[in-house]
């Protein structure tokens, strides 16, 4: 079975998460410099079967697109060109970075590790993937 890959796009870094092959568990995969993310995905998809991408879409509290949304939309266009055979699904990413930071504070003992923004990005991507799976009752299918 193929995986689902989630993307938490950022201006500097992009967090990635992926399901296991049975699509039961969402786990953090990597944080990649944004300029290198398409090449990273090309290599990853060459090694692992990925059915589709879930991209975190940034919104404000009222549901309107946030300030970085146009950058995310440009990235999605590039992603679709690079992988025309794969669907791209949007998932509201509201509060995922804050939730990722809270998780890190609770579970990472070393203060120096807690300040690692790359860790926040990939955990935020895992949360985006989890939220997608929960919203679509993925674990019960």
Protein backbone atom coordinates (compact mmCIF):
# COMPACT_ATOMS: atom_id res chain seq x y z
CA UNK A 1 0.00 0.00 0.00
CA UNK A 2 1.21 3.52 -0.67
CA UNK A 3 1.79 6.29 1.83
CA UNK A 4 0.26 9.71 2.33
CA UNK A 5 2.76 12.54 2.68
CA UNK A 6 1.95 15.82 4.48
CA UNK A 7 3.69 19.13 3.93
CA UNK A 8 3.93 22.07 6.33
CA UNK A 9 5.24 24.74 3.96
CA UNK A 10 7.32 27.56 5.39
CA UNK A 11 9.24 30.45 3.88
CA UNK A 12 12.58 29.06 5.14
CA UNK A 13 11.91 25.45 6.15
CA UNK A 14 9.27 22.91 5.20
CA UNK A 15 8.21 20.13 7.51
CA UNK A 16 7.29 16.74 6.12
CA UNK A 17 5.38 13.83 7.61
CA UNK A 18 4.27 10.51 6.23
CA UNK A 19 2.02 7.61 7.07
CA UNK A 20 3.28 4.09 7.48
CA UNK A 21 2.55 1.83 4.46
CA UNK A 22 -0.70 0.61 6.06
CA UNK A 23 -1.79 4.23 6.66
CA UNK A 24 -2.41 3.70 10.35
CA UNK A 25 0.21 6.01 11.89
CA UNK A 26 1.33 9.52 10.93
CA UNK A 27 4.94 10.28 11.77
CA UNK A 28 7.35 13.16 11.32
CA UNK A 29 9.68 12.57 8.38
CA UNK A 30 12.04 15.53 7.93
CA UNK A 31 12.49 19.26 7.80
CA UNK A 32 13.99 20.48 4.56
CA UNK A 33 15.09 23.94 3.41
CA UNK A 34 12.14 25.17 1.35
CA UNK A 35 14.26 25.71 -1.75
CA UNK A 36 15.19 22.01 -1.69
CA UNK A 37 11.81 20.48 -0.85
CA UNK A 38 10.74 19.52 -4.40
CA UNK A 39 14.02 17.72 -5.02
CA UNK A 40 13.70 15.96 -1.64
CA UNK A 41 10.16 14.86 -2.52
CA UNK A 42 11.29 13.63 -5.94
CA UNK A 43 13.94 11.45 -4.29
CA UNK A 44 11.60 10.25 -1.54
CA UNK A 45 8.81 9.36 -3.97
CA UNK A 46 11.37 7.48 -6.07
CA UNK A 47 12.10 5.23 -3.06
CA UNK A 48 8.69 5.03 -1.40
CA UNK A 49 5.24 4.80 -2.98
CA UNK A 50 3.24 7.93 -2.12
CA UNK A 51 -0.38 8.11 -3.28
CA UNK A 52 -1.06 11.79 -2.60
CA UNK A 53 0.05 14.89 -0.73
CA UNK A 54 -1.73 16.72 2.08
CA UNK A 55 -0.60 20.33 2.20
CA UNK A 56 -1.25 22.45 5.26
CA UNK A 57 -3.20 25.52 4.22
CA UNK A 58 -2.64 28.55 6.47
CA UNK A 59 -5.79 30.33 7.60
CA UNK A 60 -6.70 33.04 10.07
CA UNK A 61 -9.04 32.46 13.01
CA UNK A 62 -12.02 33.44 10.85
CA UNK A 63 -11.07 30.89 8.16
CA UNK A 64 -9.76 33.39 5.63
CA UNK A 65 -6.37 32.70 4.02
CA UNK A 66 -3.42 34.00 6.04
CA UNK A 67 -0.62 36.24 4.83
CA UNK A 68 1.57 33.33 3.66
CA UNK A 69 -1.29 31.62 1.75
CA UNK A 70 -0.24 33.03 -1.67
CA UNK A 71 3.24 31.49 -1.19
CA UNK A 72 1.66 28.16 -0.31
CA UNK A 73 -0.54 28.37 -3.41
CA UNK A 74 2.53 28.97 -5.61
CA UNK A 75 4.23 25.99 -3.98
CA UNK A 76 1.16 23.83 -4.65
CA UNK A 77 1.29 24.80 -8.34
CA UNK A 78 4.93 23.70 -8.51
CA UNK A 79 4.12 20.49 -6.62
CA UNK A 80 1.34 19.64 -9.09
CA UNK A 81 3.68 20.26 -12.04
CA UNK A 82 6.41 18.07 -10.50
CA UNK A 83 3.94 15.28 -9.60
CA UNK A 84 1.01 15.48 -12.04
CA UNK A 85 -0.04 11.91 -11.19
CA UNK A 86 -0.53 12.67 -7.49
CA UNK A 87 -3.47 14.49 -5.95
CA UNK A 88 -2.84 17.46 -3.67
CA UNK A 89 -5.31 17.86 -0.82
CA UNK A 90 -5.48 20.93 1.42
CA UNK A 91 -5.80 20.66 5.20
CA UNK A 92 -6.38 23.61 7.52
CA UNK A 93 -3.17 24.00 9.49
CA UNK A 94 -4.45 26.49 12.07
CA UNK A 95 -2.59 26.21 15.38
CA UNK A 96 -0.43 23.24 14.32
CA UNK A 97 2.84 25.08 15.02
CA UNK A 98 1.60 26.15 18.46
CA UNK A 99 0.45 22.61 19.21
CA UNK A 100 3.79 21.23 17.98
CA UNK A 101 5.64 23.63 20.30
CA UNK A 102 3.46 22.53 23.22
CA UNK A 103 4.17 18.87 22.47
CA UNK A 104 7.92 19.55 22.31
CA UNK A 105 7.90 21.42 25.64
CA UNK A 106 6.11 18.50 27.27
CA UNK A 107 8.18 15.72 25.76
CA UNK A 108 11.71 17.03 25.08
CA UNK A 109 13.77 17.35 28.27
CA UNK A 110 16.69 19.41 26.90
CA UNK A 111 16.00 23.13 26.51
CA UNK A 112 18.42 23.40 23.60
CA UNK A 113 16.45 20.75 21.68
CA UNK A 114 13.17 22.55 22.43
CA UNK A 115 14.41 25.60 20.52
CA UNK A 116 14.98 23.56 17.35
CA UNK A 117 12.56 25.12 14.84
CA UNK A 118 13.11 22.24 12.43
CA UNK A 119 11.62 19.90 15.04
CA UNK A 120 8.53 22.14 15.28
CA UNK A 121 8.10 22.07 11.49
CA UNK A 122 8.13 18.30 11.10
CA UNK A 123 5.89 17.77 14.13
CA UNK A 124 3.48 20.37 12.71
CA UNK A 125 3.47 18.36 9.45
CA UNK A 126 2.65 15.20 11.43
CA UNK A 127 -0.23 17.04 13.11
CA UNK A 128 -1.54 18.20 9.72
CA UNK A 129 -1.50 14.58 8.57
CA UNK A 130 -3.17 13.36 11.75
CA UNK A 131 -5.91 15.99 11.45
CA UNK A 132 -6.49 14.98 7.84
CA UNK A 133 -6.73 11.32 8.77
CA UNK A 134 -9.11 12.05 11.66
CA UNK A 135 -11.31 14.31 9.52
CA UNK A 136 -11.66 11.55 6.96
CA UNK A 137 -12.10 8.70 9.46
CA UNK A 138 -8.99 7.19 7.93
CA UNK A 139 -8.19 4.92 10.87
CA UNK A 140 -11.61 3.31 10.76
CA UNK A 141 -11.60 2.45 7.05
